[in-house]
């Protein structure tokens, strides 16, 4: 059974709130970010059962499933035309497309077009733990 996370801000730093109770989490308050080999990955939200990441990839850069962890994942293409590759097939995606990986097999993401690729990913930690058990 998958449990949803409580809605809360990632950072304890003070953020402006409106009278409606909205709490804004600014980019600089992301839980973690990493820039390596032309790939910027920011953790937007994280809890015990899932993680939401935003990834920007420069032209010619790559990242693989090992960079994301051994989790089931849904990737939504926001910008660019990244290529998702498994050992046996390849998929060219465009903005608005999404791809799902549930089997834990390795895959690579390549940003080979002239535009930077931007991907929003949801990683399901609980599902990966349940499958291993």
N, C-alpha and C. Protein backbone atom coordinates (compact mmCIF):
# COMPACT_ATOMS: atom_id res chain seq x y z
N UNK A 1 0.83 -1.17 0.00
CA UNK A 1 0.00 0.00 0.00
C UNK A 1 0.87 1.23 0.00
N UNK A 2 0.64 2.14 -0.92
CA UNK A 2 1.45 3.35 -1.02
C UNK A 2 0.83 4.44 -0.17
N UNK A 3 1.66 5.10 0.67
CA UNK A 3 1.18 6.18 1.51
C UNK A 3 1.62 7.51 0.90
N UNK A 4 0.75 8.46 0.90
CA UNK A 4 1.09 9.77 0.38
C UNK A 4 1.80 10.58 1.45
N UNK A 5 2.58 11.53 1.03
CA UNK A 5 3.33 12.38 1.94
C UNK A 5 2.44 13.51 2.43
N UNK A 6 2.75 13.98 3.62
CA UNK A 6 2.09 15.19 4.09
C UNK A 6 2.62 16.36 3.30
N UNK A 7 1.79 17.32 3.01
CA UNK A 7 2.22 18.49 2.26
C UNK A 7 2.91 19.44 3.23
N UNK A 8 4.16 19.74 2.94
CA UNK A 8 4.92 20.67 3.76
C UNK A 8 6.05 21.24 2.94
N UNK A 9 6.62 22.32 3.42
CA UNK A 9 7.74 22.95 2.72
C UNK A 9 8.99 22.12 2.93
N UNK A 10 9.90 22.18 1.99
CA UNK A 10 11.15 21.42 2.06
C UNK A 10 12.12 22.08 3.02
N UNK A 11 12.15 23.38 3.02
CA UNK A 11 13.13 24.10 3.81
C UNK A 11 12.47 24.71 5.04
N UNK A 12 13.24 24.83 6.09
CA UNK A 12 12.75 25.47 7.29
C UNK A 12 12.94 26.99 7.24
N UNK A 13 13.60 27.47 6.20
CA UNK A 13 13.83 28.91 6.06
C UNK A 13 12.50 29.62 5.92
N UNK A 14 12.38 30.82 6.49
CA UNK A 14 11.11 31.53 6.40
C UNK A 14 10.78 31.90 4.95
N UNK A 15 9.53 31.72 4.59
CA UNK A 15 9.06 32.10 3.26
C UNK A 15 7.81 32.93 3.43
N UNK A 16 7.59 33.86 2.48
CA UNK A 16 6.39 34.67 2.59
C UNK A 16 5.15 33.82 2.43
N UNK A 17 4.14 34.10 3.23
CA UNK A 17 2.86 33.42 3.09
C UNK A 17 1.77 34.45 2.89
N UNK A 18 0.75 34.06 2.21
CA UNK A 18 -0.37 34.96 2.02
C UNK A 18 -1.43 34.62 3.06
N UNK A 19 -2.49 35.39 3.10
CA UNK A 19 -3.58 35.14 4.04
C UNK A 19 -4.26 33.80 3.77
N UNK A 20 -4.10 33.26 2.57
CA UNK A 20 -4.74 31.99 2.23
C UNK A 20 -3.99 30.80 2.81
N UNK A 21 -2.82 31.01 3.37
CA UNK A 21 -2.06 29.91 3.95
C UNK A 21 -1.11 29.25 2.97
N UNK A 22 -0.97 29.76 1.75
CA UNK A 22 -0.02 29.20 0.78
C UNK A 22 1.39 29.43 1.27
N UNK A 23 2.23 28.43 1.09
CA UNK A 23 3.63 28.56 1.45
C UNK A 23 4.45 28.34 0.19
N UNK A 24 5.28 29.28 -0.17
CA UNK A 24 6.08 29.21 -1.39
C UNK A 24 7.47 28.69 -1.04
N UNK A 25 7.91 27.68 -1.80
CA UNK A 25 9.27 27.16 -1.63
C UNK A 25 10.08 27.64 -2.82
N UNK A 26 11.04 28.49 -2.57
CA UNK A 26 11.86 29.08 -3.62
C UNK A 26 12.94 28.11 -4.10
N UNK A 27 13.39 28.33 -5.32
CA UNK A 27 14.38 27.46 -5.95
C UNK A 27 15.61 27.24 -5.08
N UNK A 28 16.10 28.29 -4.44
CA UNK A 28 17.30 28.17 -3.62
C UNK A 28 17.04 27.38 -2.34
N UNK A 29 15.78 27.04 -2.06
CA UNK A 29 15.45 26.28 -0.88
C UNK A 29 15.24 24.80 -1.18
N UNK A 30 15.56 24.37 -2.39
CA UNK A 30 15.35 22.96 -2.72
C UNK A 30 16.17 22.10 -1.78
N UNK A 31 15.68 20.91 -1.53
CA UNK A 31 16.32 20.01 -0.55
C UNK A 31 17.75 19.70 -0.93
N UNK A 32 17.98 19.39 -2.20
CA UNK A 32 19.32 19.08 -2.69
C UNK A 32 19.40 19.48 -4.15
N UNK A 33 20.57 19.86 -4.55
CA UNK A 33 20.79 20.06 -5.98
C UNK A 33 22.21 19.61 -6.29
N UNK A 34 22.38 19.22 -7.56
CA UNK A 34 23.69 18.72 -7.98
C UNK A 34 23.90 19.11 -9.43
N UNK A 35 25.08 19.63 -9.74
CA UNK A 35 25.43 19.91 -11.12
C UNK A 35 26.69 19.13 -11.45
N UNK A 36 26.57 18.32 -12.52
CA UNK A 36 27.69 17.45 -12.88
C UNK A 36 27.60 17.12 -14.36
N UNK A 37 28.67 17.31 -15.10
CA UNK A 37 28.76 16.97 -16.53
C UNK A 37 27.62 17.55 -17.35
N UNK A 38 27.26 18.81 -17.11
CA UNK A 38 26.21 19.46 -17.91
C UNK A 38 24.80 19.11 -17.51
N UNK A 39 24.63 18.47 -16.36
CA UNK A 39 23.31 18.08 -15.87
C UNK A 39 23.09 18.72 -14.50
N UNK A 40 22.04 19.53 -14.38
CA UNK A 40 21.66 20.13 -13.10
C UNK A 40 20.40 19.42 -12.62
N UNK A 41 20.49 18.80 -11.45
CA UNK A 41 19.35 18.09 -10.87
C UNK A 41 19.00 18.75 -9.55
N UNK A 42 17.72 19.11 -9.39
CA UNK A 42 17.24 19.71 -8.16
C UNK A 42 16.11 18.86 -7.58
N UNK A 43 16.21 18.54 -6.31
CA UNK A 43 15.13 17.85 -5.63
C UNK A 43 14.14 18.92 -5.21
N UNK A 44 12.94 18.87 -5.77
CA UNK A 44 11.91 19.87 -5.48
C UNK A 44 11.15 19.50 -4.21
N UNK A 45 10.86 18.21 -4.07
CA UNK A 45 10.11 17.73 -2.91
C UNK A 45 10.57 16.31 -2.59
N UNK A 46 10.59 15.98 -1.31
CA UNK A 46 11.03 14.66 -0.90
C UNK A 46 10.31 14.24 0.38
N UNK A 47 9.89 12.99 0.43
CA UNK A 47 9.37 12.39 1.65
C UNK A 47 9.72 10.91 1.61
N UNK A 48 9.23 10.14 2.55
CA UNK A 48 9.61 8.73 2.66
C UNK A 48 9.21 7.91 1.43
N UNK A 49 8.09 8.25 0.79
CA UNK A 49 7.59 7.40 -0.30
C UNK A 49 7.87 7.91 -1.70
N UNK A 50 8.20 9.19 -1.86
CA UNK A 50 8.48 9.69 -3.21
C UNK A 50 9.41 10.88 -3.19
N UNK A 51 9.92 11.18 -4.38
CA UNK A 51 10.81 12.32 -4.57
C UNK A 51 10.47 12.94 -5.91
N UNK A 52 10.40 14.26 -5.97
CA UNK A 52 10.14 14.97 -7.22
C UNK A 52 11.40 15.76 -7.56
N UNK A 53 11.88 15.55 -8.78
CA UNK A 53 13.11 16.21 -9.24
C UNK A 53 12.89 16.97 -10.53
N UNK A 54 13.63 18.05 -10.68
CA UNK A 54 13.68 18.81 -11.93
C UNK A 54 15.11 18.69 -12.44
N UNK A 55 15.26 18.25 -13.69
CA UNK A 55 16.58 18.06 -14.28
C UNK A 55 16.71 18.89 -15.54
N UNK A 56 17.77 19.69 -15.62
CA UNK A 56 18.11 20.44 -16.83
C UNK A 56 19.38 19.82 -17.40
N UNK A 57 19.33 19.51 -18.71
CA UNK A 57 20.47 18.87 -19.36
C UNK A 57 20.95 19.72 -20.53
N UNK A 58 22.22 20.07 -20.52
CA UNK A 58 22.81 20.79 -21.64
C UNK A 58 22.90 19.87 -22.85
N UNK A 59 22.97 20.45 -24.04
CA UNK A 59 23.12 19.66 -25.27
C UNK A 59 24.34 18.75 -25.17
N UNK A 60 24.16 17.49 -25.51
CA UNK A 60 25.25 16.51 -25.49
C UNK A 60 25.47 15.84 -24.15
N UNK A 61 24.77 16.25 -23.11
CA UNK A 61 24.98 15.65 -21.79
C UNK A 61 24.12 14.40 -21.62
N UNK A 62 24.52 13.56 -20.69
CA UNK A 62 23.78 12.33 -20.39
C UNK A 62 23.67 12.14 -18.89
N UNK A 63 22.66 11.41 -18.48
CA UNK A 63 22.58 10.92 -17.10
C UNK A 63 21.91 9.55 -17.18
N UNK A 64 22.08 8.78 -16.14
CA UNK A 64 21.50 7.44 -16.20
C UNK A 64 20.70 7.14 -14.95
N UNK A 65 20.04 6.01 -14.97
CA UNK A 65 19.16 5.63 -13.86
C UNK A 65 19.93 5.47 -12.55
N UNK A 66 21.22 5.20 -12.60
CA UNK A 66 22.01 5.11 -11.38
C UNK A 66 22.09 6.46 -10.68
N UNK A 67 22.04 7.56 -11.46
CA UNK A 67 22.03 8.90 -10.88
C UNK A 67 20.73 9.16 -10.12
N UNK A 68 19.66 8.47 -10.50
CA UNK A 68 18.34 8.68 -9.88
C UNK A 68 18.07 7.72 -8.73
N UNK A 69 18.78 6.63 -8.65
CA UNK A 69 18.52 5.61 -7.65
C UNK A 69 17.70 4.49 -8.27
N UNK A 70 17.58 3.41 -7.57
CA UNK A 70 16.87 2.24 -8.10
C UNK A 70 15.38 2.33 -7.76
N UNK A 71 14.72 3.35 -8.27
CA UNK A 71 13.31 3.56 -7.99
C UNK A 71 12.50 3.48 -9.26
N UNK A 72 11.24 3.10 -9.13
CA UNK A 72 10.32 3.25 -10.25
C UNK A 72 10.17 4.74 -10.48
N UNK A 73 9.99 5.15 -11.74
CA UNK A 73 9.98 6.57 -12.04
C UNK A 73 9.06 6.90 -13.20
N UNK A 74 8.50 8.11 -13.14
CA UNK A 74 7.77 8.69 -14.26
C UNK A 74 8.51 9.98 -14.60
N UNK A 75 8.89 10.13 -15.87
CA UNK A 75 9.60 11.32 -16.33
C UNK A 75 8.70 12.09 -17.30
N UNK A 76 8.51 13.38 -17.04
CA UNK A 76 7.71 14.25 -17.89
C UNK A 76 8.65 15.23 -18.59
N UNK A 77 8.61 15.28 -19.91
CA UNK A 77 9.47 16.20 -20.66
C UNK A 77 8.81 17.58 -20.68
N UNK A 78 9.50 18.55 -20.14
CA UNK A 78 9.02 19.93 -20.09
C UNK A 78 9.57 20.72 -21.26
N UNK A 79 10.82 20.49 -21.62
CA UNK A 79 11.45 21.20 -22.72
C UNK A 79 12.52 20.36 -23.37
N UNK A 80 12.83 20.68 -24.63
CA UNK A 80 13.85 19.94 -25.36
C UNK A 80 13.32 18.63 -25.92
N UNK A 81 14.24 17.84 -26.44
CA UNK A 81 13.87 16.54 -27.03
C UNK A 81 14.84 15.45 -26.57
N UNK A 82 14.76 15.07 -25.30
CA UNK A 82 15.68 14.05 -24.79
C UNK A 82 15.39 12.67 -25.38
N UNK A 83 16.42 11.84 -25.37
CA UNK A 83 16.30 10.45 -25.82
C UNK A 83 16.51 9.56 -24.60
N UNK A 84 15.55 8.67 -24.36
CA UNK A 84 15.65 7.69 -23.28
C UNK A 84 16.05 6.36 -23.91
N UNK A 85 17.13 5.76 -23.39
CA UNK A 85 17.63 4.51 -23.96
C UNK A 85 17.72 3.43 -22.90
N UNK A 86 17.26 2.24 -23.26
CA UNK A 86 17.48 1.04 -22.46
C UNK A 86 18.45 0.19 -23.27
N UNK A 87 18.93 -0.93 -22.73
CA UNK A 87 19.84 -1.76 -23.52
C UNK A 87 19.22 -2.28 -24.82
N UNK A 88 17.89 -2.31 -24.92
CA UNK A 88 17.25 -2.91 -26.08
C UNK A 88 16.42 -1.97 -26.93
N UNK A 89 16.17 -0.74 -26.49
CA UNK A 89 15.39 0.18 -27.31
C UNK A 89 15.67 1.63 -26.94
N UNK A 90 15.16 2.52 -27.79
CA UNK A 90 15.38 3.95 -27.63
C UNK A 90 14.07 4.69 -27.90
N UNK A 91 13.83 5.78 -27.16
CA UNK A 91 12.61 6.57 -27.36
C UNK A 91 12.96 8.05 -27.39
N UNK A 92 12.65 8.73 -28.50
CA UNK A 92 12.84 10.17 -28.63
C UNK A 92 11.56 10.83 -28.13
N UNK A 93 11.68 11.69 -27.12
CA UNK A 93 10.51 12.35 -26.55
C UNK A 93 10.53 13.84 -26.82
N UNK A 94 9.34 14.44 -26.76
CA UNK A 94 9.16 15.88 -26.98
C UNK A 94 8.42 16.46 -25.78
N UNK A 95 8.39 17.80 -25.66
CA UNK A 95 7.64 18.41 -24.57
C UNK A 95 6.19 17.91 -24.54
N UNK A 96 5.74 17.55 -23.35
CA UNK A 96 4.40 17.00 -23.17
C UNK A 96 4.39 15.49 -23.11
N UNK A 97 5.47 14.82 -23.58
CA UNK A 97 5.56 13.37 -23.52
C UNK A 97 6.01 12.94 -22.12
N UNK A 98 5.71 11.70 -21.78
CA UNK A 98 6.20 11.13 -20.53
C UNK A 98 6.59 9.67 -20.77
N UNK A 99 7.39 9.14 -19.86
CA UNK A 99 7.83 7.76 -19.96
C UNK A 99 7.90 7.19 -18.54
N UNK A 100 7.55 5.91 -18.41
CA UNK A 100 7.49 5.26 -17.10
C UNK A 100 8.48 4.09 -17.08
N UNK A 101 9.25 3.99 -15.99
CA UNK A 101 10.15 2.87 -15.77
C UNK A 101 9.77 2.22 -14.45
N UNK A 102 9.37 0.94 -14.49
CA UNK A 102 8.95 0.25 -13.27
C UNK A 102 9.76 -1.01 -12.98
N UNK A 103 10.58 -1.45 -13.91
CA UNK A 103 11.23 -2.75 -13.75
C UNK A 103 12.61 -2.71 -13.10
N UNK A 104 13.14 -1.53 -12.84
CA UNK A 104 14.44 -1.42 -12.20
C UNK A 104 15.62 -1.66 -13.12
N UNK A 105 15.36 -1.87 -14.42
CA UNK A 105 16.45 -2.09 -15.37
C UNK A 105 17.09 -0.74 -15.71
N UNK A 106 18.38 -0.75 -16.01
CA UNK A 106 19.09 0.52 -16.27
C UNK A 106 18.63 1.21 -17.55
N UNK A 107 18.69 2.53 -17.53
CA UNK A 107 18.40 3.33 -18.71
C UNK A 107 19.25 4.60 -18.67
N UNK A 108 19.38 5.22 -19.82
CA UNK A 108 20.17 6.44 -19.97
C UNK A 108 19.30 7.52 -20.61
N UNK A 109 19.53 8.76 -20.21
CA UNK A 109 18.84 9.90 -20.81
C UNK A 109 19.91 10.75 -21.50
N UNK A 110 19.69 11.06 -22.77
CA UNK A 110 20.63 11.84 -23.57
C UNK A 110 19.94 13.10 -24.07
N UNK A 111 20.59 14.24 -23.90
CA UNK A 111 20.09 15.50 -24.45
C UNK A 111 20.92 15.82 -25.68
N UNK A 112 20.51 15.30 -26.82
CA UNK A 112 21.32 15.43 -28.02
C UNK A 112 20.90 16.51 -28.97
N UNK A 113 19.74 17.11 -28.77
CA UNK A 113 19.25 18.14 -29.69
C UNK A 113 19.95 19.47 -29.44
N UNK A 114 19.61 20.45 -30.23
CA UNK A 114 20.21 21.77 -30.10
C UNK A 114 19.69 22.54 -28.89
N UNK A 115 18.61 22.05 -28.29
CA UNK A 115 18.02 22.73 -27.13
C UNK A 115 18.33 21.98 -25.84
N UNK A 116 18.40 22.71 -24.78
CA UNK A 116 18.54 22.11 -23.45
C UNK A 116 17.27 21.32 -23.14
N UNK A 117 17.42 20.17 -22.51
CA UNK A 117 16.27 19.36 -22.11
C UNK A 117 15.93 19.64 -20.66
N UNK A 118 14.64 19.73 -20.37
CA UNK A 118 14.16 19.92 -19.00
C UNK A 118 13.17 18.80 -18.71
N UNK A 119 13.39 18.09 -17.62
CA UNK A 119 12.59 16.91 -17.28
C UNK A 119 12.13 17.02 -15.83
N UNK A 120 10.85 16.75 -15.59
CA UNK A 120 10.31 16.66 -14.25
C UNK A 120 10.12 15.17 -13.96
N UNK A 121 10.70 14.69 -12.87
CA UNK A 121 10.65 13.26 -12.55
C UNK A 121 10.02 13.02 -11.19
N UNK A 122 9.21 11.98 -11.12
CA UNK A 122 8.65 11.53 -9.85
C UNK A 122 9.22 10.13 -9.61
N UNK A 123 9.94 9.99 -8.51
CA UNK A 123 10.55 8.71 -8.14
C UNK A 123 9.75 8.11 -6.99
N UNK A 124 9.32 6.87 -7.16
CA UNK A 124 8.48 6.21 -6.16
C UNK A 124 9.32 5.30 -5.29
N UNK A 125 9.74 5.79 -4.14
CA UNK A 125 10.63 5.06 -3.25
C UNK A 125 9.93 3.87 -2.60
N UNK A 126 8.70 4.02 -2.18
CA UNK A 126 7.98 2.95 -1.49
C UNK A 126 7.80 1.74 -2.37
N UNK A 127 7.44 1.97 -3.63
CA UNK A 127 7.24 0.87 -4.57
C UNK A 127 8.52 0.07 -4.74
N UNK A 128 9.66 0.74 -4.83
CA UNK A 128 10.95 0.06 -4.98
C UNK A 128 11.25 -0.79 -3.74
N UNK A 129 10.96 -0.27 -2.55
CA UNK A 129 11.20 -1.01 -1.32
C UNK A 129 10.31 -2.23 -1.25
N UNK A 130 9.02 -2.10 -1.64
CA UNK A 130 8.08 -3.22 -1.60
C UNK A 130 8.47 -4.31 -2.58
N UNK A 131 8.99 -3.94 -3.76
CA UNK A 131 9.38 -4.92 -4.76
C UNK A 131 10.59 -5.73 -4.28
N UNK A 132 11.55 -5.07 -3.61
CA UNK A 132 12.73 -5.76 -3.12
C UNK A 132 12.42 -6.70 -1.95
N UNK A 133 11.39 -6.41 -1.18
CA UNK A 133 11.06 -7.20 0.02
C UNK A 133 10.50 -8.57 -0.33
